[in-house]
Amino acid sequence: MGNSNASLLMPVKARPYYHQSQAFGFACEKFGLSTPRLSSNGVALLMEMGTGKTITSIGITGALYQFGKVNRVLIVCPLSIVGVWQQEFESFADYPYNLTILSGSSAKKKEMLSVIPDEGLQVVVINYESTWRVQDSLEAFNADLIICDEAHKIKEARTAQSKCLHKLGDMAKYKLLLTGTVITNKELDVFSQYRFLNREIYGYSFYQFRNRYFDMVGYGNHIPRFKSYMRDDFLKKLHSVAFRVTKEECLDLPDIIEEVRTVDLEPKAMKMYQELEKESFTELEDSEVSAVNVLTKLLRLSQLTGGYLTDDDGDSNAVSTAKLSALEDIVDSAVSDDKKLVVMARFVPELNDIQEMLDKKGIGYACVRGGVKDRAEEIRRFQEDSECRVFIGQIAAAGLGITLTAASTMVFYSLDYSMSNFEQAKARIHRVSQKKDCLYIYLVAKGTVDRKVLRALRGKVDLARMLVDDYRTGKNPFRD
C-alpha cells in the first residue's frame, strides 16, 4: 500500500478520521496533487462499509476541483445509494458545487444532462443500470472524474454497464473505484474493475489477463484456476493503486455508526400512500384521538412503506419493491466484502420477500420469526456456518436472548414502535463478545412516517404520545 502523503487538508465540513486522511493523501499523491507528477489516473479505495469511503471521495473531489483539475464529476452507484451521495455532499462538501441526480426515463436523463452548465463544479449521480442506456449523453457530458461506488457491480467484463464504464473511464482524466474488496469470489473479478480504473495495470485484454494469471482446466478447459506462483505479481499490481481499510484497522472509529438510507417509493405506491395518509387523518377527526387509535392508523402506513397494503378483507397486497431493491444492494455489498449481515423487519410479508430474494440469489441464511421451532439451531448456523451469510429476524421475535456477533452490520428494513424492542434488537450484534465496530443501516421511505418513527426511537421519545400531541396542536401526526 505504501506511505501516503496526508499533508493536504481534506476540504470537508468535519474532522476526518485518521484512516480517511490517509486514504485522501494516498489519492492526492497518485493524482499528482501533492507530488510533482501524476503516477496513476485511477485510485481504488478498498474501504469496508462504515469506514467512510463517501466522505473520503468528497474530499478528493474537492481537492481536484481546488487544484483546477476537474469541473465535471460523474458518480455511478447502485440505485439505493443515489440519495446517500446527495445527503453526504450536503453534509460534508466544503466547497461550491451543483449536484444533479439523473432520474426518470432515459429520455428525461438525457435531457437533464444536456442542460448542465459549463461553469463551476458539476456533479452528476446515476445508477449503474441506467449508464449504458444513456451512454452517448454521458460521453457528451465528458466527466473529468468518474467515481464508481460499490464497484463489484462491474466485475463482469462483458455486461453492458461494464463495457459502458470502460469506455467512459478511457475518456476521463481521473477515476475512483470504491468497494469493500475488489476480489469478490475469484481473482477474475479484478480485471473488469481495474480495466475501468487504470488499463495500464492489467492491460486491455481480458484473455491476455486470463492467460497470464490462470490455467484453464477441467472438461473442455473451461474452468480458470489461478496460478499460485503469480500471486505476488498479481497482488503487487493490485495494491499499487489501492488503499485498503477494514473496520478492524480503524482504531479511531466510534463503536456504533448509524446510516439512514432514503428510499423513493414508486410513483404509484407514493400516490397510494398519500391517499391513505389523507384518509387516516380525516378519520381521526371523526373518532376519539387516543394512542391506540393513532398507532393503529400509523401501522397501515408503515406496512405500505415496506411494500404491502392490507385490504378490507385483511389480505396483504404487494404495492412496492423499493425497500427490497435497496436491501438487495446492501446484501450484494456484504457478500462481496465477505461479511455477514443481520436484517431486522417487523411484518410477515416483508420477511417472506427477504427470504424469497435470498433464495433466488442462492445466499444461505438463518431466520428467527414467529413459528420457527428451533431458534437455537438457526442462531448456531449463523454464528458458526461460513455459508450462512444473512440472519433475518422479526423484531418482536428475535430481540431477546440472541447473540449475533458473527455480523457487525444490521439493517432495519422496518421498525417496531416499541423502544425496548428497538434497543433489544440493536443489542444482538453490539455485545461484549463483538470485536468490531457496529454499523446500523435504516431503510427509510422518503416523505413517509418512517423518518418520524425512527427519530422518535433514536431520541427515546414516546411515539404514541408525540403523535397525539401533534394532532392536538393542529398538525397532521402522520406527516414528518
Protein backbone atom coordinates (compact mmCIF):
# COMPACT_ATOMS: atom_id res chain seq x y z
CA MET A 1 0.00 0.00 0.00
CA GLY A 2 2.91 2.34 0.68
CA ASN A 3 3.08 5.50 2.75
CA SER A 4 0.58 8.21 1.87
CA ASN A 5 1.09 11.94 1.94
CA ALA A 6 -1.66 13.45 4.09
CA SER A 7 -0.23 17.00 4.23
CA LEU A 8 -3.08 18.41 2.12
CA LEU A 9 -6.22 19.17 4.10
CA MET A 10 -9.45 17.47 3.14
CA PRO A 11 -11.99 20.16 2.13
CA VAL A 12 -14.81 18.69 4.25
CA LYS A 13 -17.03 20.13 6.99
CA ALA A 14 -15.97 17.57 9.58
CA ARG A 15 -12.79 16.35 11.15
CA PRO A 16 -11.87 13.26 9.14
CA TYR A 17 -10.74 10.11 10.89
CA TYR A 18 -7.08 9.20 10.58
CA HIS A 19 -7.66 6.45 8.01
CA GLN A 20 -9.79 8.80 5.88
CA SER A 21 -6.98 11.41 5.88
CA GLN A 22 -4.51 8.67 4.93
CA ALA A 23 -6.71 7.48 2.04
CA PHE A 24 -7.17 11.09 0.90
CA GLY A 25 -3.40 11.65 0.99
CA PHE A 26 -2.75 8.44 -0.93
CA ALA A 27 -5.12 9.55 -3.73
CA CYS A 28 -3.67 13.08 -3.81
CA GLU A 29 -0.21 11.58 -4.21
CA LYS A 30 -1.25 9.25 -7.04
CA PHE A 31 -3.15 12.08 -8.79
CA GLY A 32 -0.11 14.36 -8.62
CA LEU A 33 -1.61 16.94 -6.25
CA SER A 34 0.99 16.50 -3.52
CA THR A 35 3.83 15.28 -5.75
CA PRO A 36 5.40 16.69 -8.92
CA ARG A 37 3.65 14.28 -11.27
CA LEU A 38 0.62 12.06 -11.73
CA SER A 39 1.56 8.39 -11.20
CA SER A 40 -1.89 6.88 -11.81
CA ASN A 41 -5.10 8.34 -13.23
CA GLY A 42 -7.10 5.85 -11.17
CA VAL A 43 -7.18 5.04 -7.43
CA ALA A 44 -9.03 2.22 -5.68
CA LEU A 45 -10.36 2.92 -2.19
CA LEU A 46 -10.88 -0.58 -0.81
CA MET A 47 -12.82 0.62 2.25
CA GLU A 48 -15.34 -1.56 4.05
CA MET A 49 -18.91 -0.43 4.70
CA GLY A 50 -18.95 2.02 7.59
CA THR A 51 -15.39 3.32 7.20
CA GLY A 52 -16.37 6.45 5.25
CA LYS A 53 -15.41 5.97 1.61
CA THR A 54 -18.06 8.50 0.55
CA ILE A 55 -16.73 11.39 2.67
CA THR A 56 -13.17 10.49 1.60
CA SER A 57 -14.23 10.65 -2.06
CA ILE A 58 -15.95 14.00 -1.46
CA GLY A 59 -12.65 15.27 -0.04
CA ILE A 60 -10.68 14.00 -3.05
CA THR A 61 -13.22 15.56 -5.45
CA GLY A 62 -12.89 18.91 -3.67
CA ALA A 63 -9.08 18.82 -3.78
CA LEU A 64 -9.08 18.06 -7.53
CA TYR A 65 -11.52 20.93 -8.08
CA GLN A 66 -9.50 23.37 -5.98
CA PHE A 67 -6.37 22.47 -7.96
CA GLY A 68 -8.24 23.25 -11.17
CA LYS A 69 -8.11 19.64 -12.36
CA VAL A 70 -11.84 18.82 -12.58
CA ASN A 71 -15.14 20.56 -13.29
CA ARG A 72 -17.36 17.66 -14.28
CA VAL A 73 -17.82 14.68 -11.99
CA LEU A 74 -19.84 11.53 -12.66
CA ILE A 75 -20.78 9.29 -9.73
CA VAL A 76 -22.10 5.84 -10.64
CA CYS A 77 -23.64 3.81 -7.83
CA PRO A 78 -26.46 1.35 -7.02
CA LEU A 79 -29.90 2.94 -7.07
CA SER A 80 -30.31 2.67 -3.28
CA ILE A 81 -27.18 4.79 -2.66
CA VAL A 82 -28.03 7.68 -5.00
CA GLY A 83 -29.73 9.58 -2.14
CA VAL A 84 -26.82 8.85 0.23
CA TRP A 85 -24.44 10.72 -2.10
CA GLN A 86 -26.74 13.73 -2.14
CA GLN A 87 -27.02 13.75 1.67
CA GLU A 88 -23.26 13.32 2.17
CA PHE A 89 -22.40 16.13 -0.25
CA GLU A 90 -24.85 18.43 1.56
CA SER A 91 -23.37 17.47 4.92
CA PHE A 92 -19.66 17.44 4.14
CA ALA A 93 -18.57 19.20 0.91
CA ASP A 94 -16.70 22.35 1.99
CA TYR A 95 -16.59 23.87 -1.49
CA PRO A 96 -19.17 25.13 -4.03
CA TYR A 97 -20.82 22.55 -6.29
CA ASN A 98 -24.04 21.74 -8.14
CA LEU A 99 -25.35 18.18 -7.83
CA THR A 100 -27.81 16.62 -10.27
CA ILE A 101 -29.41 13.21 -9.74
CA LEU A 102 -30.40 11.68 -13.06
CA SER A 103 -33.89 10.22 -12.68
CA GLY A 104 -36.94 9.32 -14.74
CA SER A 105 -36.89 7.79 -18.22
CA SER A 106 -33.77 7.56 -20.38
CA ALA A 107 -35.09 10.50 -22.44
CA LYS A 108 -35.51 12.55 -19.24
CA LYS A 109 -31.98 11.67 -18.08
CA LYS A 110 -30.54 12.71 -21.45
CA GLU A 111 -32.44 15.97 -21.27
CA MET A 112 -31.11 16.66 -17.74
CA LEU A 113 -27.54 16.00 -18.94
CA SER A 114 -27.93 18.32 -21.94
CA VAL A 115 -28.74 21.39 -19.81
CA ILE A 116 -25.97 21.08 -17.20
CA PRO A 117 -23.99 24.35 -17.31
CA ASP A 118 -20.29 24.51 -18.15
CA GLU A 119 -19.20 26.71 -15.23
CA GLY A 120 -18.50 25.61 -11.67
CA LEU A 121 -18.17 22.10 -10.28
CA GLN A 122 -20.97 19.98 -11.73
CA VAL A 123 -21.61 16.63 -10.02
CA VAL A 124 -23.92 14.12 -11.70
CA VAL A 125 -25.17 10.96 -9.95
CA ILE A 126 -26.60 7.99 -11.88
CA ASN A 127 -27.34 4.36 -11.04
CA TYR A 128 -25.41 1.55 -12.77
CA GLU A 129 -28.37 0.06 -14.62
CA SER A 130 -29.03 3.37 -16.42
CA THR A 131 -25.49 4.11 -17.65
CA TRP A 132 -25.42 2.16 -20.89
CA ARG A 133 -28.92 3.35 -21.81
CA VAL A 134 -27.71 6.97 -21.90
CA GLN A 135 -24.09 6.27 -22.84
CA ASP A 136 -23.97 8.74 -25.73
CA SER A 137 -25.14 11.56 -23.45
CA LEU A 138 -22.67 10.56 -20.72
CA GLU A 139 -19.88 10.63 -23.32
CA ALA A 140 -21.01 14.13 -24.34
CA PHE A 141 -21.03 15.19 -20.66
CA ASN A 142 -17.33 14.18 -20.73
CA ALA A 143 -16.63 13.82 -17.00
CA ASP A 144 -13.17 14.76 -15.73
CA LEU A 145 -13.58 12.45 -12.72
CA ILE A 146 -15.67 9.27 -12.55
CA ILE A 147 -16.40 7.62 -9.21
CA CYS A 148 -17.63 4.01 -9.29
CA ASP A 149 -19.20 3.20 -5.92
CA GLU A 150 -19.80 -0.46 -4.96
CA ALA A 151 -17.65 -1.30 -7.97
CA HIS A 152 -18.31 -5.04 -7.74
CA LYS A 153 -21.28 -4.08 -9.95
CA ILE A 154 -18.84 -4.01 -12.91
CA LYS A 155 -16.88 -7.18 -12.07
CA GLU A 156 -18.31 -8.97 -15.14
CA ALA A 157 -16.38 -7.53 -18.09
CA ARG A 158 -18.95 -8.44 -20.73
CA THR A 159 -22.08 -6.79 -19.29
CA ALA A 160 -23.45 -3.64 -20.95
CA GLN A 161 -22.83 -1.49 -17.87
CA SER A 162 -19.21 -2.70 -17.53
CA LYS A 163 -18.46 -2.02 -21.21
CA CYS A 164 -20.03 1.42 -20.84
CA LEU A 165 -17.90 2.25 -17.78
CA HIS A 166 -14.75 1.02 -19.54
CA LYS A 167 -15.45 3.41 -22.43
CA LEU A 168 -16.28 6.34 -20.14
CA GLY A 169 -13.26 5.55 -17.98
CA ASP A 170 -10.97 5.71 -21.03
CA MET A 171 -12.19 9.28 -21.61
CA ALA A 172 -11.87 10.55 -18.01
CA LYS A 173 -8.75 12.19 -16.56
CA TYR A 174 -9.31 10.75 -13.08
CA LYS A 175 -11.13 7.73 -11.66
CA LEU A 176 -12.01 6.45 -8.21
CA LEU A 177 -13.12 2.87 -7.61
CA LEU A 178 -14.89 2.29 -4.29
CA THR A 179 -15.56 -1.15 -2.86
CA GLY A 180 -15.02 -3.17 0.30
CA THR A 181 -12.89 -5.69 -1.53
CA VAL A 182 -12.04 -5.83 -5.20
CA ILE A 183 -11.84 -9.66 -5.22
CA THR A 184 -15.35 -10.90 -4.52
CA ASN A 185 -15.36 -14.61 -5.31
CA LYS A 186 -12.37 -15.05 -7.56
CA GLU A 187 -9.33 -13.21 -8.87
CA LEU A 188 -11.00 -12.94 -12.29
CA ASP A 189 -13.31 -10.26 -10.80
CA VAL A 190 -10.39 -7.83 -10.67
CA PHE A 191 -9.91 -7.45 -14.42
CA SER A 192 -13.07 -5.53 -15.31
CA GLN A 193 -12.84 -3.20 -12.32
CA TYR A 194 -9.19 -2.37 -13.00
CA ARG A 195 -9.87 -2.13 -16.75
CA PHE A 196 -12.08 0.83 -15.79
CA LEU A 197 -9.68 2.17 -13.18
CA ASN A 198 -6.29 2.05 -14.90
CA ARG A 199 -5.92 -0.04 -18.03
CA GLU A 200 -2.12 0.03 -17.76
CA ILE A 201 -2.11 -2.26 -14.71
CA TYR A 202 -3.63 -5.48 -16.08
CA GLY A 203 -3.92 -4.48 -19.73
CA TYR A 204 -6.80 -4.05 -22.18
CA SER A 205 -7.50 -7.67 -23.00
CA PHE A 206 -9.44 -9.98 -20.70
CA TYR A 207 -7.97 -13.01 -22.48
CA GLN A 208 -4.38 -11.85 -22.11
CA PHE A 209 -5.09 -11.21 -18.40
CA ARG A 210 -6.62 -14.66 -18.03
CA ASN A 211 -3.76 -16.37 -19.83
CA ARG A 212 -1.17 -14.59 -17.69
CA TYR A 213 -2.71 -15.43 -14.31
CA PHE A 214 -4.81 -18.58 -14.87
CA ASP A 215 -4.54 -22.11 -16.20
CA MET A 216 -7.66 -23.37 -17.96
CA VAL A 217 -8.56 -26.78 -16.53
CA GLY A 218 -11.47 -29.22 -16.30
CA TYR A 219 -13.57 -30.76 -19.05
CA GLY A 220 -13.06 -28.76 -22.24
CA ASN A 221 -10.60 -26.46 -20.42
CA HIS A 222 -13.40 -24.12 -19.35
CA ILE A 223 -12.51 -23.62 -15.68
CA PRO A 224 -9.90 -20.94 -14.82
CA ARG A 225 -7.53 -21.89 -11.97
CA PHE A 226 -5.32 -19.15 -10.54
CA LYS A 227 -1.55 -19.72 -10.94
CA SER A 228 -0.37 -19.61 -7.33
CA TYR A 229 3.21 -18.71 -8.35
CA MET A 230 1.81 -15.49 -9.93
CA ARG A 231 0.15 -14.30 -6.68
CA ASP A 232 2.90 -11.86 -5.66
CA ASP A 233 2.92 -10.23 -9.09
CA PHE A 234 -0.89 -10.08 -9.11
CA LEU A 235 -1.17 -8.52 -5.64
CA LYS A 236 1.68 -6.07 -6.18
CA LYS A 237 -0.13 -4.67 -9.21
CA LEU A 238 -3.49 -4.64 -7.44
CA HIS A 239 -2.18 -2.71 -4.43
CA SER A 240 -0.03 -0.32 -6.47
CA VAL A 241 -3.05 2.00 -6.84
CA ALA A 242 -5.19 0.78 -3.90
CA PHE A 243 -5.67 1.98 -0.34
CA ARG A 244 -7.13 -0.77 1.87
CA VAL A 245 -9.15 -0.11 5.03
CA THR A 246 -11.00 -2.61 7.22
CA LYS A 247 -13.18 -1.69 10.19
CA GLU A 248 -10.84 -3.65 12.48
CA GLU A 249 -7.94 -1.38 11.49
CA CYS A 250 -9.82 1.86 12.21
CA LEU A 251 -8.97 2.30 15.87
CA ASP A 252 -10.49 5.80 16.00
CA LEU A 253 -13.96 4.86 14.71
CA PRO A 254 -16.83 5.10 17.19
CA ASP A 255 -18.10 1.69 18.27
CA ILE A 256 -21.50 2.45 16.72
CA ILE A 257 -22.04 4.02 13.29
CA GLU A 258 -25.56 4.80 12.03
CA GLU A 259 -26.58 5.41 8.43
CA VAL A 260 -30.00 6.34 7.08
CA ARG A 261 -30.66 5.22 3.51
CA THR A 262 -33.56 7.08 1.94
CA VAL A 263 -35.65 5.01 -0.45
CA ASP A 264 -38.02 6.51 -3.05
CA LEU A 265 -41.34 4.67 -3.31
CA GLU A 266 -42.52 4.13 -6.87
CA PRO A 267 -44.89 6.95 -8.05
CA LYS A 268 -47.93 4.63 -7.95
CA ALA A 269 -47.07 3.42 -4.43
CA MET A 270 -46.42 7.00 -3.26
CA LYS A 271 -49.82 8.07 -4.56
CA MET A 272 -51.47 5.21 -2.63
CA TYR A 273 -49.51 6.20 0.46
CA GLN A 274 -50.61 9.84 0.24
CA GLU A 275 -54.25 8.82 -0.23
CA LEU A 276 -54.04 6.51 2.81
CA GLU A 277 -52.36 9.23 4.89
CA LYS A 278 -55.11 11.72 3.99
CA GLU A 279 -57.81 9.15 4.74
CA SER A 280 -56.20 8.28 8.11
CA PHE A 281 -56.02 11.95 9.15
CA THR A 282 -59.65 12.55 8.13
CA GLU A 283 -60.82 9.51 10.12
CA LEU A 284 -59.12 10.85 13.25
CA GLU A 285 -61.37 13.89 13.19
CA ASP A 286 -64.42 11.62 13.50
CA SER A 287 -63.13 9.46 16.34
CA GLU A 288 -61.56 9.58 19.76
CA VAL A 289 -57.89 10.57 19.43
CA SER A 290 -56.14 8.01 21.60
CA ALA A 291 -52.72 6.38 21.47
CA VAL A 292 -54.25 3.08 20.31
CA ASN A 293 -56.28 4.76 17.58
CA VAL A 294 -53.34 6.78 16.24
CA LEU A 295 -50.94 3.81 16.28
CA THR A 296 -53.46 1.57 14.51
CA LYS A 297 -53.67 4.03 11.64
CA LEU A 298 -49.88 4.51 11.65
CA LEU A 299 -49.48 0.75 11.32
CA ARG A 300 -51.10 0.63 7.87
CA LEU A 301 -48.88 3.49 6.68
CA SER A 302 -45.77 1.65 7.94
CA GLN A 303 -46.90 -1.55 6.20
CA LEU A 304 -47.21 0.33 2.93
CA THR A 305 -43.66 1.75 3.11
CA GLY A 306 -42.47 -1.87 3.45
CA GLY A 307 -44.31 -2.77 0.24
CA TYR A 308 -47.75 -4.01 1.30
CA LEU A 309 -51.26 -2.65 1.74
CA THR A 310 -53.83 -4.62 3.69
CA ASP A 311 -57.31 -4.52 2.16
CA ASP A 312 -60.69 -4.61 3.94
CA ASP A 313 -60.65 -8.42 3.92
CA GLY A 314 -57.33 -8.48 5.76
CA ASP A 315 -55.32 -9.64 2.72
CA SER A 316 -51.87 -8.15 2.09
CA ASN A 317 -51.32 -6.89 -1.44
CA ALA A 318 -47.85 -6.09 -2.82
CA VAL A 319 -47.58 -2.43 -3.88
CA SER A 320 -43.84 -1.62 -3.79
CA THR A 321 -40.42 -3.26 -4.11
CA ALA A 322 -38.41 -0.11 -3.31
CA LYS A 323 -37.07 -1.31 0.05
CA LEU A 324 -36.41 -4.81 -1.24
CA SER A 325 -34.26 -3.38 -4.07
CA ALA A 326 -32.35 -1.25 -1.57
CA LEU A 327 -31.75 -4.27 0.66
CA GLU A 328 -30.59 -6.31 -2.34
CA ASP A 329 -27.81 -3.76 -2.96
CA ILE A 330 -26.73 -3.96 0.68
CA VAL A 331 -26.73 -7.78 0.61
CA ASP A 332 -24.65 -7.76 -2.61
CA SER A 333 -22.11 -5.42 -0.98
CA ALA A 334 -21.88 -7.50 2.20
CA VAL A 335 -21.41 -10.74 0.25
CA SER A 336 -18.77 -9.13 -1.99
CA ASP A 337 -16.98 -7.90 1.18
CA ASP A 338 -17.20 -11.46 2.57
CA LYS A 339 -19.17 -10.12 5.57
CA LYS A 340 -22.23 -11.43 7.35
CA LEU A 341 -25.36 -9.33 7.74
CA VAL A 342 -28.33 -9.15 10.12
CA VAL A 343 -31.64 -7.89 8.71
CA MET A 344 -34.46 -6.92 11.08
CA ALA A 345 -38.03 -6.44 9.86
CA ARG A 346 -41.41 -6.16 11.50
CA PHE A 347 -44.05 -7.50 9.14
CA VAL A 348 -44.56 -11.07 7.89
CA PRO A 349 -44.89 -10.20 4.14
CA GLU A 350 -41.56 -8.31 4.38
CA LEU A 351 -39.85 -11.34 5.91
CA ASN A 352 -41.31 -13.54 3.15
CA ASP A 353 -39.97 -11.15 0.48
CA ILE A 354 -36.49 -11.08 2.03
CA GLN A 355 -36.32 -14.89 2.26
CA GLU A 356 -37.52 -15.25 -1.34
CA MET A 357 -34.88 -12.76 -2.56
CA LEU A 358 -32.08 -14.64 -0.78
CA ASP A 359 -33.38 -17.98 -2.09
CA LYS A 360 -33.29 -16.63 -5.66
CA LYS A 361 -29.72 -15.42 -5.16
CA GLY A 362 -28.65 -18.72 -3.63
CA ILE A 363 -27.43 -16.97 -0.46
CA GLY A 364 -27.53 -19.05 2.73
CA TYR A 365 -29.49 -17.55 5.63
CA ALA A 366 -30.94 -18.26 9.06
CA CYS A 367 -34.26 -16.93 10.27
CA VAL A 368 -35.97 -16.35 13.62
CA ARG A 369 -39.61 -15.30 13.31
CA GLY A 370 -42.96 -16.34 14.62
CA GLY A 371 -43.48 -20.06 14.01
CA VAL A 372 -39.77 -21.00 13.80
CA LYS A 373 -39.35 -24.07 16.01
CA ASP A 374 -35.61 -24.41 16.58
CA ARG A 375 -34.34 -20.89 17.25
CA ALA A 376 -31.09 -22.17 18.79
CA GLU A 377 -30.17 -24.08 15.63
CA GLU A 378 -30.85 -21.03 13.41
CA ILE A 379 -28.63 -18.89 15.62
CA ARG A 380 -25.89 -21.53 15.75
CA ARG A 381 -25.85 -21.82 11.95
CA PHE A 382 -25.48 -18.08 11.53
CA GLN A 383 -22.74 -17.83 14.13
CA GLU A 384 -20.72 -20.87 13.03
CA ASP A 385 -21.52 -21.78 9.40
CA SER A 386 -19.49 -19.75 6.88
CA GLU A 387 -22.09 -20.49 4.18
CA CYS A 388 -24.86 -18.88 6.26
CA ARG A 389 -24.41 -15.23 5.22
CA VAL A 390 -27.57 -13.46 6.41
CA PHE A 391 -29.69 -13.59 9.56
CA ILE A 392 -33.32 -12.49 9.17
CA GLY A 393 -35.06 -11.54 12.39
CA GLN A 394 -38.61 -10.49 13.10
CA ILE A 395 -38.09 -7.64 15.57
CA ALA A 396 -40.61 -8.87 18.11
CA ALA A 397 -39.35 -12.48 17.96
CA ALA A 398 -35.59 -12.01 17.60
CA GLY A 399 -34.93 -9.27 20.09
CA LEU A 400 -34.10 -11.13 23.29
CA GLY A 401 -31.50 -13.70 24.34
CA ILE A 402 -29.83 -13.93 20.95
CA THR A 403 -26.17 -13.33 20.13
CA LEU A 404 -25.43 -12.50 16.50
CA THR A 405 -21.85 -11.23 16.76
CA ALA A 406 -20.79 -13.10 13.60
CA ALA A 407 -22.06 -9.90 11.95
CA SER A 408 -21.22 -6.29 12.74
CA THR A 409 -23.76 -4.75 10.35
CA MET A 410 -27.52 -4.67 10.97
CA VAL A 411 -30.16 -3.41 8.56
CA PHE A 412 -33.54 -2.26 9.85
CA TYR A 413 -35.88 -2.94 6.94
CA SER A 414 -38.80 -1.67 9.01
CA LEU A 415 -39.32 -0.59 12.61
CA ASP A 416 -41.32 -1.74 15.58
CA TYR A 417 -42.86 1.15 17.56
CA SER A 418 -41.58 -0.25 20.85
CA MET A 419 -38.45 1.47 22.13
CA SER A 420 -37.44 -1.56 24.19
CA ASN A 421 -37.82 -3.88 21.17
CA PHE A 422 -35.70 -1.46 19.11
CA GLU A 423 -32.91 -1.31 21.70
CA GLN A 424 -33.00 -5.07 22.26
CA ALA A 425 -32.75 -5.74 18.53
CA LYS A 426 -29.74 -3.42 18.18
CA ALA A 427 -28.02 -5.16 21.09
CA ARG A 428 -27.92 -8.50 19.23
CA ILE A 429 -24.71 -7.50 17.42
CA HIS A 430 -23.42 -4.85 19.88
CA ARG A 431 -22.38 -7.17 22.72
CA VAL A 432 -19.33 -7.79 24.88
CA SER A 433 -18.13 -10.54 22.54
CA GLN A 434 -18.27 -8.19 19.49
CA LYS A 435 -14.75 -7.41 18.28
CA LYS A 436 -15.72 -4.91 15.57
CA ASP A 437 -17.43 -1.53 15.33
CA CYS A 438 -21.14 -1.91 14.59
CA LEU A 439 -22.90 -0.35 11.61
CA TYR A 440 -26.69 0.16 11.67
CA ILE A 441 -28.42 0.94 8.37
CA TYR A 442 -32.03 2.20 8.46
CA LEU A 443 -34.16 1.98 5.30
CA VAL A 444 -36.47 5.00 5.31
CA ALA A 445 -39.08 5.67 2.61
CA LYS A 446 -38.88 9.33 1.60
CA GLY A 447 -41.85 11.53 2.52
CA THR A 448 -43.40 8.95 4.86
CA VAL A 449 -43.85 8.20 8.56
CA ASP A 450 -40.66 6.10 8.52
CA ARG A 451 -38.43 9.07 9.37
CA LYS A 452 -40.73 10.23 12.19
CA VAL A 453 -40.79 6.76 13.74
CA LEU A 454 -37.01 6.42 13.51
CA ARG A 455 -36.46 9.86 15.03
CA ALA A 456 -38.73 9.03 17.97
CA LEU A 457 -36.98 5.69 18.62
CA ARG A 458 -33.47 7.12 18.36
CA GLY A 459 -34.43 10.11 20.50
CA LYS A 460 -36.12 7.82 23.06
CA VAL A 461 -39.39 9.74 22.68
CA ASP A 462 -42.77 8.09 23.37
CA LEU A 463 -44.06 7.77 19.80
CA ALA A 464 -47.77 7.45 20.64
CA ARG A 465 -47.71 10.48 22.92
CA MET A 466 -45.82 12.51 20.31
CA LEU A 467 -48.40 11.68 17.62
CA VAL A 468 -51.37 12.51 19.87
CA ASP A 469 -49.70 15.79 20.90
CA ASP A 470 -49.10 16.63 17.24
CA TYR A 471 -52.78 16.12 16.46
CA ARG A 472 -53.93 18.19 19.41
CA THR A 473 -51.74 21.10 18.33
CA GLY A 474 -53.28 21.06 14.85
CA LYS A 475 -50.57 19.09 12.99
CA ASN A 476 -51.04 16.01 10.86
CA PRO A 477 -49.45 13.34 13.13
CA PHE A 478 -48.66 11.14 10.12
CA ARG A 479 -46.54 13.80 8.39
CA ASP A 480 -42.90 14.44 9.24
